[in-house]
Amino acid sequence: MNPLDTALSATRIVAFLQNLFDNCTDTYLGEQVTVSQHMLQGATLAQREGKPVEVIVGALLHDIGHVASNAGCFAMDDTWDRRHEDAGAQLLASHFPQVIVDCVRYHVDAKRYLCATQPDYFARLSPASVHSLNLQGGPMSAAEAEAFEKQVNFKTIIQVRYFDEAGKCPDLETPDFAHFAPLVQGLVDAHGRAGA
């Protein structure tokens, strides 16, 4: 069953996400880490730098669409874009504040933006990230970049993107999802109160 087809309550979403993390063994985009290790690394680095909870959780969940949809994870021989960002945003939209959903939905666009506006950023990309960039439309045009800068949560999205790129170290030890679960639940609870 596709988890995106399952209605998840606010009381179940965090446990569901933990299960995804705990059972994900797929290698991340041709890197030497799994998808869950990659996301945990981004969140760990953000937390170590004292970033706001929205950046930490955004980094933690940005690639959840890779493991929460039937599209599966990116592979180096892919010739099409699996749109994992849309799958992840769809999963989280009912349970999280818009800033978290935007970090998930737009982290690919953030890569395209940074490659267009900061030449040194492209040099940081791994071969797998360059390949996925090409499938995702390449660097933004000047008009696309100008429009992207108007995103309400632009600054947070960009911060998450930097932690996305940093979270690919085979030797970086991280806590598991349970360490971050209270932060995740706190945002779910806050979103529920705001919508009540």
C-alpha atoms as a PDB file:
ATOM      1  CA  MET A   1       0.000   0.000   0.000  1.00  0.00           C
ATOM      2  CA  ASN A   2       1.217   3.474  -0.824  1.00  0.00           C
ATOM      3  CA  PRO A   3       1.562   5.351   2.488  1.00  0.00           C
ATOM      4  CA  LEU A   4       0.419   8.508   0.724  1.00  0.00           C
ATOM      5  CA  ASP A   5      -2.966   6.841   0.276  1.00  0.00           C
ATOM      6  CA  THR A   6      -3.298   6.272   4.019  1.00  0.00           C
ATOM      7  CA  ALA A   7      -4.948   8.977   6.102  1.00  0.00           C
ATOM      8  CA  LEU A   8      -2.661   9.534   9.086  1.00  0.00           C
ATOM      9  CA  SER A   9      -3.866  11.229  12.228  1.00  0.00           C
ATOM     10  CA  ALA A  10      -1.792  13.785  14.091  1.00  0.00           C
ATOM     11  CA  THR A  11      -1.223  11.165  16.779  1.00  0.00           C
ATOM     12  CA  ARG A  12       0.151   8.654  14.260  1.00  0.00           C
ATOM     13  CA  ILE A  13       2.214  10.762  11.855  1.00  0.00           C
ATOM     14  CA  VAL A  14       5.365  10.917  14.002  1.00  0.00           C
ATOM     15  CA  ALA A  15       5.350   7.157  14.660  1.00  0.00           C
ATOM     16  CA  PHE A  16       4.782   6.594  10.944  1.00  0.00           C
ATOM     17  CA  LEU A  17       7.776   8.797  10.095  1.00  0.00           C
ATOM     18  CA  GLN A  18       9.930   7.027  12.667  1.00  0.00           C
ATOM     19  CA  ASN A  19       9.016   3.691  11.093  1.00  0.00           C
ATOM     20  CA  LEU A  20      10.098   5.007   7.690  1.00  0.00           C
ATOM     21  CA  PHE A  21      13.445   6.117   9.091  1.00  0.00           C
ATOM     22  CA  ASP A  22      14.024   2.930  11.059  1.00  0.00           C
ATOM     23  CA  ASN A  23      13.333   0.679   8.086  1.00  0.00           C
ATOM     24  CA  CYS A  24      14.974   2.628   5.268  1.00  0.00           C
ATOM     25  CA  THR A  25      18.000   0.833   3.863  1.00  0.00           C
ATOM     26  CA  ASP A  26      17.986   2.420   0.388  1.00  0.00           C
ATOM     27  CA  THR A  27      21.238   4.094  -0.570  1.00  0.00           C
ATOM     28  CA  TYR A  28      20.861   7.828  -1.058  1.00  0.00           C
ATOM     29  CA  LEU A  29      21.371   8.971  -4.658  1.00  0.00           C
ATOM     30  CA  GLY A  30      24.494   6.953  -5.298  1.00  0.00           C
ATOM     31  CA  GLU A  31      26.163   8.265  -2.135  1.00  0.00           C
ATOM     32  CA  GLN A  32      27.735   6.229   0.665  1.00  0.00           C
ATOM     33  CA  VAL A  33      24.843   6.806   3.073  1.00  0.00           C
ATOM     34  CA  THR A  34      21.241   5.640   3.218  1.00  0.00           C
ATOM     35  CA  VAL A  35      18.375   8.064   2.690  1.00  0.00           C
ATOM     36  CA  SER A  36      17.610   8.078   6.413  1.00  0.00           C
ATOM     37  CA  GLN A  37      21.279   8.642   7.317  1.00  0.00           C
ATOM     38  CA  HIS A  38      21.365  11.551   4.874  1.00  0.00           C
ATOM     39  CA  MET A  39      18.338  13.222   6.464  1.00  0.00           C
ATOM     40  CA  LEU A  40      19.559  12.538  10.009  1.00  0.00           C
ATOM     41  CA  GLN A  41      22.913  14.064   9.135  1.00  0.00           C
ATOM     42  CA  GLY A  42      21.305  17.242   7.836  1.00  0.00           C
ATOM     43  CA  ALA A  43      19.214  17.579  10.996  1.00  0.00           C
ATOM     44  CA  THR A  44      22.189  16.815  13.243  1.00  0.00           C
ATOM     45  CA  LEU A  45      24.357  19.442  11.558  1.00  0.00           C
ATOM     46  CA  ALA A  46      21.561  22.013  11.772  1.00  0.00           C
ATOM     47  CA  GLN A  47      21.056  21.265  15.477  1.00  0.00           C
ATOM     48  CA  ARG A  48      24.794  21.480  16.185  1.00  0.00           C
ATOM     49  CA  GLU A  49      24.797  24.941  14.628  1.00  0.00           C
ATOM     50  CA  GLY A  50      21.903  26.014  16.828  1.00  0.00           C
ATOM     51  CA  LYS A  51      19.488  26.578  13.966  1.00  0.00           C
ATOM     52  CA  PRO A  52      15.764  27.113  14.625  1.00  0.00           C
ATOM     53  CA  VAL A  53      13.534  24.064  14.987  1.00  0.00           C
ATOM     54  CA  GLU A  54      12.005  24.704  11.546  1.00  0.00           C
ATOM     55  CA  VAL A  55      15.430  24.331   9.915  1.00  0.00           C
ATOM     56  CA  ILE A  56      16.281  21.202  11.932  1.00  0.00           C
ATOM     57  CA  VAL A  57      12.976  19.473  11.150  1.00  0.00           C
ATOM     58  CA  GLY A  58      13.010  20.738   7.564  1.00  0.00           C
ATOM     59  CA  ALA A  59      16.431  19.146   7.104  1.00  0.00           C
ATOM     60  CA  LEU A  60      15.239  15.988   8.839  1.00  0.00           C
ATOM     61  CA  LEU A  61      12.224  15.529   6.564  1.00  0.00           C
ATOM     62  CA  HIS A  62      13.255  17.147   3.283  1.00  0.00           C
ATOM     63  CA  ASP A  63      13.756  13.849   1.427  1.00  0.00           C
ATOM     64  CA  ILE A  64      10.946  11.867   3.056  1.00  0.00           C
ATOM     65  CA  GLY A  65       9.286  11.549  -0.353  1.00  0.00           C
ATOM     66  CA  HIS A  66      12.048   9.171  -1.415  1.00  0.00           C
ATOM     67  CA  VAL A  67      10.891   6.586   1.122  1.00  0.00           C
ATOM     68  CA  ALA A  68       7.206   7.440   1.482  1.00  0.00           C
ATOM     69  CA  SER A  69       6.051   6.910  -2.081  1.00  0.00           C
ATOM     70  CA  ASN A  70       5.972   4.186  -4.690  1.00  0.00           C
ATOM     71  CA  ALA A  71       8.268   6.241  -6.903  1.00  0.00           C
ATOM     72  CA  GLY A  72      11.219   4.916  -4.944  1.00  0.00           C
ATOM     73  CA  CYS A  73      14.657   6.426  -4.594  1.00  0.00           C
ATOM     74  CA  PHE A  74      16.684   8.134  -7.291  1.00  0.00           C
ATOM     75  CA  ALA A  75      19.192   5.976  -9.165  1.00  0.00           C
ATOM     76  CA  MET A  76      22.187   7.036 -11.220  1.00  0.00           C
ATOM     77  CA  ASP A  77      20.723   5.467 -14.356  1.00  0.00           C
ATOM     78  CA  ASP A  78      17.427   7.379 -14.050  1.00  0.00           C
ATOM     79  CA  THR A  79      16.381   9.342 -17.110  1.00  0.00           C
ATOM     80  CA  TRP A  80      13.361  11.027 -15.514  1.00  0.00           C
ATOM     81  CA  ASP A  81      12.626  13.016 -12.375  1.00  0.00           C
ATOM     82  CA  ARG A  82      10.680  11.067  -9.739  1.00  0.00           C
ATOM     83  CA  ARG A  83       9.370  14.302  -8.113  1.00  0.00           C
ATOM     84  CA  HIS A  84      10.075  13.061  -4.588  1.00  0.00           C
ATOM     85  CA  GLU A  85       9.647  16.605  -3.280  1.00  0.00           C
ATOM     86  CA  ASP A  86       5.984  16.576  -4.279  1.00  0.00           C
ATOM     87  CA  ALA A  87       5.409  13.176  -2.666  1.00  0.00           C
ATOM     88  CA  GLY A  88       7.003  14.352   0.578  1.00  0.00           C
ATOM     89  CA  ALA A  89       5.071  17.612   0.664  1.00  0.00           C
ATOM     90  CA  GLN A  90       1.820  15.721   0.037  1.00  0.00           C
ATOM     91  CA  LEU A  91       2.510  13.415   2.985  1.00  0.00           C
ATOM     92  CA  LEU A  92       3.278  16.258   5.398  1.00  0.00           C
ATOM     93  CA  ALA A  93       0.822  18.941   4.273  1.00  0.00           C
ATOM     94  CA  SER A  94      -2.013  18.041   6.657  1.00  0.00           C
ATOM     95  CA  HIS A  95       0.176  17.756   9.749  1.00  0.00           C
ATOM     96  CA  PHE A  96       2.964  20.339   9.630  1.00  0.00           C
ATOM     97  CA  PRO A  97       3.290  24.110   9.463  1.00  0.00           C
ATOM     98  CA  GLN A  98       3.639  25.537   5.961  1.00  0.00           C
ATOM     99  CA  VAL A  99       7.328  26.299   6.491  1.00  0.00           C
ATOM    100  CA  ILE A 100       8.118  22.574   6.860  1.00  0.00           C
ATOM    101  CA  VAL A 101       5.985  21.639   3.853  1.00  0.00           C
ATOM    102  CA  ASP A 102       7.728  24.357   1.838  1.00  0.00           C
ATOM    103  CA  CYS A 103      11.186  23.115   2.851  1.00  0.00           C
ATOM    104  CA  VAL A 104      10.242  19.687   1.520  1.00  0.00           C
ATOM    105  CA  ARG A 105       8.417  20.910  -1.590  1.00  0.00           C
ATOM    106  CA  TYR A 106      11.072  23.432  -2.636  1.00  0.00           C
ATOM    107  CA  HIS A 107      14.428  21.932  -1.624  1.00  0.00           C
ATOM    108  CA  VAL A 108      14.995  20.812  -5.231  1.00  0.00           C
ATOM    109  CA  ASP A 109      14.163  24.305  -6.487  1.00  0.00           C
ATOM    110  CA  ALA A 110      16.585  25.669  -3.885  1.00  0.00           C
ATOM    111  CA  LYS A 111      19.382  23.616  -5.459  1.00  0.00           C
ATOM    112  CA  ARG A 112      18.435  24.923  -8.899  1.00  0.00           C
ATOM    113  CA  TYR A 113      18.350  28.464  -7.480  1.00  0.00           C
ATOM    114  CA  LEU A 114      21.730  28.246  -5.759  1.00  0.00           C
ATOM    115  CA  CYS A 115      23.360  26.739  -8.850  1.00  0.00           C
ATOM    116  CA  ALA A 116      22.048  29.694 -10.861  1.00  0.00           C
ATOM    117  CA  THR A 117      22.962  32.443  -8.405  1.00  0.00           C
ATOM    118  CA  GLN A 118      26.095  31.162  -6.649  1.00  0.00           C
ATOM    119  CA  PRO A 119      28.649  29.629  -9.016  1.00  0.00           C
ATOM    120  CA  ASP A 120      30.641  28.139  -6.132  1.00  0.00           C
ATOM    121  CA  TYR A 121      27.596  26.150  -5.019  1.00  0.00           C
ATOM    122  CA  PHE A 122      27.585  24.037  -8.162  1.00  0.00           C
ATOM    123  CA  ALA A 123      31.204  23.066  -7.433  1.00  0.00           C
ATOM    124  CA  ARG A 124      30.062  21.527  -4.116  1.00  0.00           C
ATOM    125  CA  LEU A 125      27.645  19.111  -5.756  1.00  0.00           C
ATOM    126  CA  SER A 126      28.475  15.427  -5.859  1.00  0.00           C
ATOM    127  CA  PRO A 127      28.235  13.625  -9.222  1.00  0.00           C
ATOM    128  CA  ALA A 128      24.878  12.168  -8.144  1.00  0.00           C
ATOM    129  CA  SER A 129      23.561  15.610  -7.242  1.00  0.00           C
ATOM    130  CA  VAL A 130      24.693  16.977 -10.616  1.00  0.00           C
ATOM    131  CA  HIS A 131      22.878  14.122 -12.368  1.00  0.00           C
ATOM    132  CA  SER A 132      19.667  14.753 -10.423  1.00  0.00           C
ATOM    133  CA  LEU A 133      20.006  18.492 -11.083  1.00  0.00           C
ATOM    134  CA  ASN A 134      19.988  17.798 -14.808  1.00  0.00           C
ATOM    135  CA  LEU A 135      16.844  15.679 -14.468  1.00  0.00           C
ATOM    136  CA  GLN A 136      15.200  18.388 -12.350  1.00  0.00           C
ATOM    137  CA  GLY A 137      15.593  21.150 -14.923  1.00  0.00           C
ATOM    138  CA  GLY A 138      19.135  22.401 -14.342  1.00  0.00           C
ATOM    139  CA  PRO A 139      19.994  25.797 -12.874  1.00  0.00           C
ATOM    140  CA  MET A 140      17.128  28.286 -12.818  1.00  0.00           C
ATOM    141  CA  SER A 141      16.797  31.034 -15.370  1.00  0.00           C
ATOM    142  CA  ALA A 142      17.104  34.605 -14.097  1.00  0.00           C
ATOM    143  CA  ALA A 143      13.313  34.947 -14.183  1.00  0.00           C
ATOM    144  CA  GLU A 144      12.806  31.686 -12.258  1.00  0.00           C
ATOM    145  CA  ALA A 145      15.359  32.755  -9.642  1.00  0.00           C
ATOM    146  CA  GLU A 146      13.697  36.148  -9.186  1.00  0.00           C
ATOM    147  CA  ALA A 147      10.310  34.488  -8.706  1.00  0.00           C
ATOM    148  CA  PHE A 148      11.747  31.906  -6.289  1.00  0.00           C
ATOM    149  CA  GLU A 149      13.175  34.637  -4.059  1.00  0.00           C
ATOM    150  CA  LYS A 150       9.581  35.731  -3.379  1.00  0.00           C
ATOM    151  CA  GLN A 151       8.719  32.464  -1.608  1.00  0.00           C
ATOM    152  CA  VAL A 152       7.348  33.269   1.850  1.00  0.00           C
ATOM    153  CA  ASN A 153       9.768  30.823   3.509  1.00  0.00           C
ATOM    154  CA  PHE A 154      12.671  31.464   1.135  1.00  0.00           C
ATOM    155  CA  LYS A 155      15.385  31.933   3.792  1.00  0.00           C
ATOM    156  CA  THR A 156      14.479  28.759   5.672  1.00  0.00           C
ATOM    157  CA  ILE A 157      14.270  26.740   2.445  1.00  0.00           C
ATOM    158  CA  ILE A 158      17.771  27.900   1.476  1.00  0.00           C
ATOM    159  CA  GLN A 159      19.169  27.036   4.916  1.00  0.00           C
ATOM    160  CA  VAL A 160      17.707  23.532   4.665  1.00  0.00           C
ATOM    161  CA  ARG A 161      19.263  23.135   1.213  1.00  0.00           C
ATOM    162  CA  TYR A 162      22.747  23.772   2.592  1.00  0.00           C
ATOM    163  CA  PHE A 163      22.239  21.055   5.210  1.00  0.00           C
ATOM    164  CA  ASP A 164      20.872  18.776   2.480  1.00  0.00           C
ATOM    165  CA  GLU A 165      24.151  19.103   0.578  1.00  0.00           C
ATOM    166  CA  ALA A 166      26.240  18.629   3.741  1.00  0.00           C
ATOM    167  CA  GLY A 167      24.514  15.413   4.855  1.00  0.00           C
ATOM    168  CA  LYS A 168      26.412  12.899   2.763  1.00  0.00           C
ATOM    169  CA  CYS A 169      29.307  11.874   5.021  1.00  0.00           C
ATOM    170  CA  PRO A 170      29.773   8.115   5.520  1.00  0.00           C
ATOM    171  CA  ASP A 171      31.624   8.679   8.815  1.00  0.00           C
ATOM    172  CA  LEU A 172      29.293  11.201  10.471  1.00  0.00           C
ATOM    173  CA  GLU A 173      27.539   9.665  13.456  1.00  0.00           C
ATOM    174  CA  THR A 174      24.076  10.923  14.303  1.00  0.00           C
ATOM    175  CA  PRO A 175      21.348  10.249  16.810  1.00  0.00           C
ATOM    176  CA  ASP A 176      18.397   8.281  15.469  1.00  0.00           C
ATOM    177  CA  PHE A 177      14.967   9.661  14.626  1.00  0.00           C
ATOM    178  CA  ALA A 178      13.770   9.234  18.220  1.00  0.00           C
ATOM    179  CA  HIS A 179      16.159  12.010  19.264  1.00  0.00           C
ATOM    180  CA  PHE A 180      14.348  14.441  16.963  1.00  0.00           C
ATOM    181  CA  ALA A 181      10.843  13.045  17.511  1.00  0.00           C
ATOM    182  CA  PRO A 182       9.921  15.562  20.265  1.00  0.00           C
ATOM    183  CA  LEU A 183      10.766  18.440  17.909  1.00  0.00           C
ATOM    184  CA  VAL A 184       8.724  16.843  15.142  1.00  0.00           C
ATOM    185  CA  GLN A 185       5.781  16.207  17.474  1.00  0.00           C
ATOM    186  CA  GLY A 186       5.989  19.760  18.772  1.00  0.00           C
ATOM    187  CA  LEU A 187       5.525  21.145  15.267  1.00  0.00           C
ATOM    188  CA  VAL A 188       2.666  18.716  14.577  1.00  0.00           C
ATOM    189  CA  ASP A 189       0.981  19.784  17.821  1.00  0.00           C
ATOM    190  CA  ALA A 190       1.505  23.483  17.100  1.00  0.00           C
ATOM    191  CA  HIS A 191       0.037  23.061  13.627  1.00  0.00           C
ATOM    192  CA  GLY A 192      -2.975  21.269  15.109  1.00  0.00           C
ATOM    193  CA  ARG A 193      -3.554  24.057  17.648  1.00  0.00           C
ATOM    194  CA  ALA A 194      -3.250  26.707  14.932  1.00  0.00           C
ATOM    195  CA  GLY A 195      -5.852  24.940  12.823  1.00  0.00           C
ATOM    196  CA  ALA A 196      -8.278  24.329  15.681  1.00  0.00           C
END
